[in-house]
Amino acid sequence: MCVLLACFLVLAPNPRTLPNRFLAAFLLLTAIELSGWLWVDAGNQAHWTNALRLALGKLQMPVFLGFFLASCYADFRLKWRDALHLIPMTMALWLALPGDQLHLSPGDYSSVNLSPAEQAAFTVGSHLLYYGYMAMVIWVLVRFWTLYRNQHAAGRSQTLLWLTQLAGASLFAHTLILLRDVLNLSPAHAVVLPLQLLGAVLALGITTWIALKSLLHPELFRDVDRRLISLSSRPASPHAPDLQRVLAYMDSQTPYLDPNLNLARLSDQLAMTPREVSELLNQSHGVHFFDFINRYRVRHAQSLLEAQDGQSVLQILHASGFNSKSSFNTAFKKHTGLTPSAFRKNLQTVQTA
């Protein structure tokens, strides 16, 4: 399932290329680590392939963090300094390869090529590595939730909610593993096997949950949350939202036909703040919000009047997003210089001539 999900994330065409590749890499690394349950036994646990499997497992959390950063920061790109995240994998590979590298204790090896003391150091280091990276993941989420609530109090980001759920599921699963390792050193080690089985079921459950998410909510893996982009890659000037995107949305989605449309509702649809939309309209068009919307409504009403399909003026004003005849007449005359009736009469005169 991990491999199938990774193939879906890499091959499905979408604008979320980098976040999906990070998640695909994380799933593949998870598959490699879990594969040890299928092929590692007493005869090959000291083989270099098993050492490589354990070392690659130390790449999981750096890649997991990369997925969260790429999902939240629209301009996130890998840099040369990110190669430092390879250090835990390199150290794990050096520790797990043949030989008693740390010389912590003499005697037989208990697992892979590790002495008992090395095995303990390896386990403790793995847990510290996980919780260190999870602290960074949580910091990213807390920071973006704070920014999001400040800027989009009326909206809700499904992407941020999904990321929070995924981080919570990962934290719960690994805490179960930590409990297993602690109990394994205590007199209560009899519960280790049930915990191990529960961990296996939980790993399958989380993978299945991600698969269901991709089926039921494909937008989480294919679409870009514009609200996060507006927070993470906003230009230095607070007055530079994408005007072309706003105008394209007005033309394609025709939100002005909704008679209850207001500044807050349109801002939420555009993944912008009301202040951004208001400043954009004032600076680019020199108009207030309702003048901007009425311009589109009047244009739509003109097209209906020109169609001469027998609709009354009352029907046309409601079809164009107006609530009352007085507001319709006022806006129509302001933008065309004529009342709707006079506009229709002129059309009939021109067509008769």
Protein backbone atom coordinates (compact mmCIF):
# COMPACT_ATOMS: atom_id res chain seq x y z
CA MET A 1 0.00 0.00 0.00
CA CYS A 2 2.86 2.38 0.74
CA VAL A 3 4.40 1.71 -2.67
CA LEU A 4 1.06 2.12 -4.48
CA LEU A 5 0.40 5.41 -2.70
CA ALA A 6 3.90 6.62 -3.53
CA CYS A 7 3.36 5.80 -7.22
CA PHE A 8 0.05 7.70 -7.17
CA LEU A 9 1.65 10.76 -5.61
CA VAL A 10 4.50 10.81 -8.13
CA LEU A 11 2.58 9.94 -11.30
CA ALA A 12 -0.72 11.83 -10.80
CA PRO A 13 -0.48 15.21 -12.61
CA ASN A 14 -0.91 18.08 -10.16
CA PRO A 15 0.67 21.40 -9.12
CA ARG A 16 1.73 19.99 -5.71
CA THR A 17 4.86 18.37 -7.11
CA LEU A 18 7.34 18.92 -4.29
CA PRO A 19 5.07 18.11 -1.29
CA ASN A 20 3.81 14.96 -3.03
CA ARG A 21 7.34 13.82 -3.80
CA PHE A 22 8.34 14.25 -0.17
CA LEU A 23 5.32 12.25 0.99
CA ALA A 24 6.03 9.58 -1.65
CA ALA A 25 9.64 9.32 -0.44
CA PHE A 26 8.43 9.02 3.16
CA LEU A 27 6.04 6.21 2.20
CA LEU A 28 8.78 4.36 0.31
CA LEU A 29 11.16 4.68 3.27
CA THR A 30 8.38 3.39 5.52
CA ALA A 31 7.86 0.42 3.21
CA ILE A 32 11.58 -0.35 3.31
CA GLU A 33 11.66 -0.23 7.10
CA LEU A 34 8.51 -2.33 7.55
CA SER A 35 9.76 -4.87 5.01
CA GLY A 36 12.11 -6.13 7.71
CA TRP A 37 9.12 -7.94 9.25
CA LEU A 38 8.98 -10.05 6.08
CA TRP A 39 12.57 -10.98 5.31
CA VAL A 40 14.88 -10.29 8.28
CA ASP A 41 15.60 -13.33 10.45
CA ALA A 42 18.44 -14.74 12.53
CA GLY A 43 20.26 -15.80 9.37
CA ASN A 44 20.47 -12.42 7.66
CA GLN A 45 19.99 -9.79 10.36
CA ALA A 46 23.75 -9.14 10.39
CA HIS A 47 23.86 -8.71 6.59
CA TRP A 48 24.76 -5.35 5.08
CA THR A 49 21.32 -5.11 3.44
CA ASN A 50 19.67 -5.04 6.85
CA ALA A 51 22.16 -2.42 8.00
CA LEU A 52 21.19 -0.33 4.97
CA ARG A 53 17.51 -0.81 5.77
CA LEU A 54 18.00 0.48 9.31
CA ALA A 55 20.07 3.42 8.08
CA LEU A 56 17.48 4.45 5.51
CA GLY A 57 14.94 4.49 8.32
CA LYS A 58 16.80 7.51 9.73
CA LEU A 59 15.85 9.45 6.60
CA GLN A 60 12.15 9.12 7.34
CA MET A 61 11.85 12.07 9.71
CA PRO A 62 13.94 14.53 7.64
CA VAL A 63 11.73 13.67 4.65
CA PHE A 64 8.61 13.93 6.84
CA LEU A 65 9.68 17.43 7.91
CA GLY A 66 10.35 18.30 4.27
CA PHE A 67 6.80 17.31 3.40
CA PHE A 68 5.36 19.71 5.99
CA LEU A 69 7.67 22.54 4.96
CA ALA A 70 6.86 22.09 1.25
CA SER A 71 3.14 21.92 2.02
CA CYS A 72 3.16 25.15 4.03
CA TYR A 73 5.87 27.17 2.30
CA ALA A 74 5.00 27.62 -1.37
CA ASP A 75 8.54 28.81 -2.13
CA PHE A 76 10.32 26.00 -0.24
CA ARG A 77 13.26 24.52 -2.16
CA LEU A 78 16.05 22.16 -1.12
CA LYS A 79 19.40 23.84 -0.47
CA TRP A 80 22.92 22.52 -0.05
CA ARG A 81 22.75 22.93 3.72
CA ASP A 82 19.87 20.45 3.78
CA ALA A 83 22.50 17.75 3.19
CA LEU A 84 23.11 17.99 6.95
CA HIS A 85 19.93 15.93 7.37
CA LEU A 86 21.87 12.98 5.94
CA ILE A 87 24.09 12.86 9.04
CA PRO A 88 21.74 10.62 11.12
CA MET A 89 21.50 8.11 8.24
CA THR A 90 25.28 8.12 7.77
CA MET A 91 25.90 7.58 11.48
CA ALA A 92 23.30 4.79 11.61
CA LEU A 93 24.91 3.05 8.62
CA TRP A 94 28.36 3.32 10.18
CA LEU A 95 27.04 1.92 13.44
CA ALA A 96 25.12 -0.98 11.88
CA LEU A 97 27.79 -2.20 9.44
CA PRO A 98 30.07 -5.10 10.47
CA GLY A 99 32.32 -4.42 13.42
CA ASP A 100 32.04 -3.10 16.95
CA GLN A 101 32.53 0.54 16.00
CA LEU A 102 31.78 2.10 19.39
CA HIS A 103 33.58 -0.54 21.49
CA LEU A 104 31.06 0.03 24.24
CA SER A 105 31.08 -3.57 25.41
CA PRO A 106 32.68 -6.85 24.40
CA GLY A 107 30.81 -10.00 23.57
CA ASP A 108 28.33 -11.30 21.06
CA TYR A 109 26.13 -9.08 18.99
CA SER A 110 22.42 -9.18 19.81
CA SER A 111 20.98 -7.59 16.68
CA VAL A 112 22.34 -6.76 13.23
CA ASN A 113 26.01 -6.00 13.93
CA LEU A 114 25.38 -4.23 17.19
CA SER A 115 26.55 -5.19 20.63
CA PRO A 116 23.96 -4.88 23.41
CA ALA A 117 25.31 -1.45 24.41
CA GLU A 118 25.37 -0.32 20.80
CA GLN A 119 21.82 -1.59 20.35
CA ALA A 120 20.70 0.50 23.33
CA ALA A 121 22.49 3.58 21.94
CA PHE A 122 20.92 2.96 18.53
CA THR A 123 17.40 2.73 20.04
CA VAL A 124 17.77 5.81 22.22
CA GLY A 125 19.22 7.78 19.31
CA SER A 126 16.32 6.74 17.09
CA HIS A 127 13.74 8.00 19.59
CA LEU A 128 15.59 11.27 20.17
CA LEU A 129 15.85 11.79 16.43
CA TYR A 130 12.13 11.22 15.97
CA TYR A 131 10.98 13.56 18.71
CA GLY A 132 13.48 16.22 17.65
CA TYR A 133 12.07 16.29 14.13
CA MET A 134 8.50 16.09 15.43
CA ALA A 135 9.19 19.19 17.52
CA MET A 136 10.14 21.00 14.30
CA VAL A 137 7.02 19.69 12.54
CA ILE A 138 4.81 20.90 15.40
CA TRP A 139 6.53 24.30 15.33
CA VAL A 140 5.74 24.65 11.62
CA LEU A 141 2.09 23.73 12.20
CA VAL A 142 1.64 26.03 15.21
CA ARG A 143 3.19 28.93 13.32
CA PHE A 144 0.94 28.46 10.30
CA TRP A 145 -2.22 27.88 12.32
CA THR A 146 -1.53 31.17 14.10
CA LEU A 147 -0.95 33.04 10.84
CA TYR A 148 -3.97 31.42 9.24
CA ARG A 149 -6.37 32.32 12.04
CA ASN A 150 -5.12 35.89 12.07
CA GLN A 151 -5.64 36.31 8.33
CA HIS A 152 -8.56 33.98 7.57
CA ALA A 153 -10.71 33.90 10.67
CA ALA A 154 -13.82 33.10 8.60
CA GLY A 155 -12.25 30.33 6.53
CA ARG A 156 -10.94 26.85 7.10
CA SER A 157 -7.92 25.19 5.54
CA GLN A 158 -8.48 21.50 4.85
CA THR A 159 -4.77 21.20 4.06
CA LEU A 160 -3.67 22.46 7.47
CA LEU A 161 -6.28 20.26 9.15
CA TRP A 162 -5.01 17.20 7.24
CA LEU A 163 -1.39 17.99 8.11
CA THR A 164 -2.30 18.32 11.79
CA GLN A 165 -4.13 14.99 11.74
CA LEU A 166 -1.19 13.29 10.04
CA ALA A 167 1.27 14.69 12.60
CA GLY A 168 -1.00 13.56 15.44
CA ALA A 169 -1.32 10.03 14.04
CA SER A 170 2.46 9.78 13.62
CA LEU A 171 3.09 11.04 17.15
CA PHE A 172 0.63 8.54 18.63
CA ALA A 173 2.11 5.62 16.68
CA HIS A 174 5.69 6.37 17.64
CA THR A 175 4.79 6.94 21.29
CA LEU A 176 3.38 3.42 21.23
CA ILE A 177 6.74 2.20 19.92
CA LEU A 178 8.54 4.11 22.69
CA LEU A 179 6.26 2.49 25.28
CA ARG A 180 7.06 -0.92 23.80
CA ASP A 181 10.81 -0.34 24.07
CA VAL A 182 10.56 0.93 27.64
CA LEU A 183 8.42 -2.01 28.75
CA ASN A 184 10.85 -4.40 27.07
CA LEU A 185 13.43 -3.35 29.68
CA SER A 186 11.03 -3.71 32.61
CA PRO A 187 9.44 -6.70 34.36
CA ALA A 188 6.32 -6.02 32.31
CA HIS A 189 8.02 -7.17 29.10
CA ALA A 190 5.23 -9.72 28.57
CA VAL A 191 3.09 -6.98 27.00
CA VAL A 192 5.76 -6.19 24.39
CA LEU A 193 4.42 -8.69 21.86
CA PRO A 194 0.83 -7.38 22.03
CA LEU A 195 2.18 -3.86 21.65
CA GLN A 196 4.24 -4.99 18.66
CA LEU A 197 1.13 -6.48 17.04
CA LEU A 198 -0.85 -3.34 17.84
CA GLY A 199 1.89 -1.26 16.24
CA ALA A 200 1.72 -3.35 13.09
CA VAL A 201 -2.05 -2.95 12.89
CA LEU A 202 -1.70 0.78 13.55
CA ALA A 203 0.86 1.15 10.75
CA LEU A 204 -1.55 -0.56 8.38
CA GLY A 205 -4.40 1.59 9.65
CA ILE A 206 -2.51 4.86 9.06
CA THR A 207 -1.50 3.78 5.57
CA THR A 208 -5.10 2.80 4.80
CA TRP A 209 -6.28 6.15 6.18
CA ILE A 210 -3.91 8.04 3.85
CA ALA A 211 -5.19 5.93 0.94
CA LEU A 212 -8.79 6.75 1.81
CA LYS A 213 -7.88 10.43 2.09
CA SER A 214 -6.46 10.34 -1.43
CA LEU A 215 -9.71 8.79 -2.70
CA LEU A 216 -12.24 10.85 -0.75
CA HIS A 217 -10.33 14.15 -0.76
CA PRO A 218 -8.06 14.13 -3.83
CA GLU A 219 -7.81 17.93 -3.64
CA LEU A 220 -5.45 17.50 -0.67
CA PHE A 221 -2.93 15.83 -2.97
CA ARG A 222 -3.65 17.63 -6.24
CA ASP A 223 -4.66 21.21 -5.43
CA VAL A 224 -2.70 24.05 -3.91
CA ASP A 225 -4.28 25.82 -0.97
CA ARG A 226 -4.13 29.46 -2.04
CA ARG A 227 -4.59 30.56 1.58
CA LEU A 228 -1.28 28.96 2.53
CA ILE A 229 0.44 30.48 -0.49
CA SER A 230 -0.84 33.91 0.49
CA LEU A 231 0.71 33.42 3.93
CA SER A 232 3.98 31.73 3.04
CA SER A 233 5.08 33.45 -0.15
CA ARG A 234 3.51 36.87 0.08
CA PRO A 235 5.56 39.61 -1.57
CA ALA A 236 7.21 42.27 0.55
CA SER A 237 4.51 44.79 -0.38
CA PRO A 238 1.18 44.16 1.40
CA HIS A 239 -0.63 45.62 -1.64
CA ALA A 240 0.45 43.10 -4.27
CA PRO A 241 -2.05 40.21 -4.46
CA ASP A 242 -2.49 38.62 -7.86
CA LEU A 243 -4.92 40.89 -9.70
CA GLN A 244 -5.08 38.60 -12.72
CA ARG A 245 -6.20 35.71 -10.51
CA VAL A 246 -8.98 37.83 -9.02
CA LEU A 247 -10.24 38.98 -12.40
CA ALA A 248 -10.05 35.45 -13.82
CA TYR A 249 -12.08 34.18 -10.86
CA MET A 250 -14.74 36.83 -11.45
CA ASP A 251 -15.03 35.84 -15.11
CA SER A 252 -15.00 32.08 -14.65
CA GLN A 253 -16.97 31.61 -11.41
CA THR A 254 -19.33 34.63 -11.66
CA PRO A 255 -19.62 35.12 -7.87
CA TYR A 256 -21.35 38.47 -8.48
CA LEU A 257 -24.56 36.61 -9.40
CA ASP A 258 -24.98 35.74 -5.73
CA PRO A 259 -27.22 38.50 -4.28
CA ASN A 260 -25.77 37.85 -0.80
CA LEU A 261 -22.15 38.30 -1.89
CA ASN A 262 -20.16 40.54 0.42
CA LEU A 263 -16.50 41.43 0.91
CA ALA A 264 -15.86 38.73 3.52
CA ARG A 265 -17.41 35.97 1.40
CA LEU A 266 -15.54 36.92 -1.77
CA SER A 267 -12.28 37.23 0.17
CA ASP A 268 -12.68 33.74 1.55
CA GLN A 269 -13.37 32.35 -1.95
CA LEU A 270 -10.22 34.05 -3.23
CA ALA A 271 -8.14 32.86 -0.24
CA MET A 272 -7.33 36.47 0.60
CA THR A 273 -8.14 38.76 3.49
CA PRO A 274 -10.92 41.38 3.19
CA ARG A 275 -8.31 44.07 3.64
CA GLU A 276 -6.24 42.73 0.74
CA VAL A 277 -9.24 42.64 -1.58
CA SER A 278 -10.38 46.10 -0.56
CA GLU A 279 -6.93 47.64 -1.03
CA LEU A 280 -6.48 45.84 -4.34
CA LEU A 281 -9.74 47.22 -5.74
CA ASN A 282 -9.02 50.72 -4.48
CA GLN A 283 -5.51 50.81 -5.93
CA SER A 284 -6.06 48.98 -9.22
CA HIS A 285 -9.56 50.22 -10.09
CA GLY A 286 -10.14 53.19 -7.80
CA VAL A 287 -13.51 51.74 -6.72
CA HIS A 288 -15.06 50.29 -3.59
CA PHE A 289 -16.13 46.66 -3.35
CA PHE A 290 -19.80 47.11 -4.30
CA ASP A 291 -18.97 49.38 -7.24
CA PHE A 292 -16.62 46.68 -8.49
CA ILE A 293 -19.28 43.96 -8.11
CA ASN A 294 -22.05 46.10 -9.59
CA ARG A 295 -19.92 46.69 -12.66
CA TYR A 296 -20.00 42.95 -13.35
CA ARG A 297 -23.70 42.73 -12.52
CA VAL A 298 -24.59 45.58 -14.87
CA ARG A 299 -22.52 44.01 -17.62
CA HIS A 300 -24.41 40.75 -17.12
CA ALA A 301 -27.74 42.59 -17.14
CA GLN A 302 -26.77 44.33 -20.39
CA SER A 303 -26.15 40.97 -22.05
CA LEU A 304 -29.58 39.75 -20.90
CA LEU A 305 -31.28 42.91 -22.18
CA GLU A 306 -29.49 42.59 -25.51
CA ALA A 307 -30.66 39.00 -25.82
CA GLN A 308 -34.27 40.23 -26.13
CA ASP A 309 -35.59 36.88 -24.85
CA GLY A 310 -38.76 38.31 -23.35
CA GLN A 311 -37.54 38.53 -19.75
CA SER A 312 -38.92 41.40 -17.73
CA VAL A 313 -36.65 43.96 -16.08
CA LEU A 314 -37.56 42.45 -12.70
CA GLN A 315 -36.46 38.99 -13.85
CA ILE A 316 -33.21 40.38 -15.27
CA LEU A 317 -32.26 42.29 -12.12
CA HIS A 318 -32.68 39.16 -9.99
CA ALA A 319 -30.77 37.06 -12.53
CA SER A 320 -27.93 39.57 -12.38
CA GLY A 321 -27.50 39.46 -8.60
CA PHE A 322 -29.45 42.57 -7.55
CA ASN A 323 -31.91 42.52 -4.66
CA SER A 324 -34.15 45.46 -5.53
CA LYS A 325 -35.26 47.48 -8.52
CA SER A 326 -34.04 50.76 -7.03
CA SER A 327 -30.47 49.49 -6.50
CA PHE A 328 -30.52 47.95 -9.98
CA ASN A 329 -31.67 51.20 -11.62
CA THR A 330 -29.13 53.26 -9.67
CA ALA A 331 -26.19 50.99 -10.52
CA PHE A 332 -27.24 50.54 -14.15
CA LYS A 333 -27.53 54.28 -14.74
CA LYS A 334 -24.22 54.94 -12.97
CA HIS A 335 -22.32 52.54 -15.23
CA THR A 336 -24.18 53.06 -18.53
CA GLY A 337 -25.74 56.49 -18.24
CA LEU A 338 -29.20 55.03 -18.93
CA THR A 339 -31.92 53.31 -16.97
CA PRO A 340 -32.55 49.65 -17.86
CA SER A 341 -35.84 50.55 -19.58
CA ALA A 342 -34.20 53.31 -21.61
CA PHE A 343 -31.32 50.96 -22.54
CA ARG A 344 -33.79 48.34 -23.79
CA LYS A 345 -35.81 50.99 -25.67
CA ASN A 346 -32.67 52.23 -27.43
CA LEU A 347 -31.83 48.66 -28.44
CA GLN A 348 -35.28 48.16 -29.92
CA THR A 349 -35.01 51.47 -31.80
CA VAL A 350 -31.64 50.53 -33.27
CA GLN A 351 -32.83 47.06 -34.28
CA THR A 352 -36.00 48.51 -35.91
CA ALA A 353 -33.98 51.07 -37.84
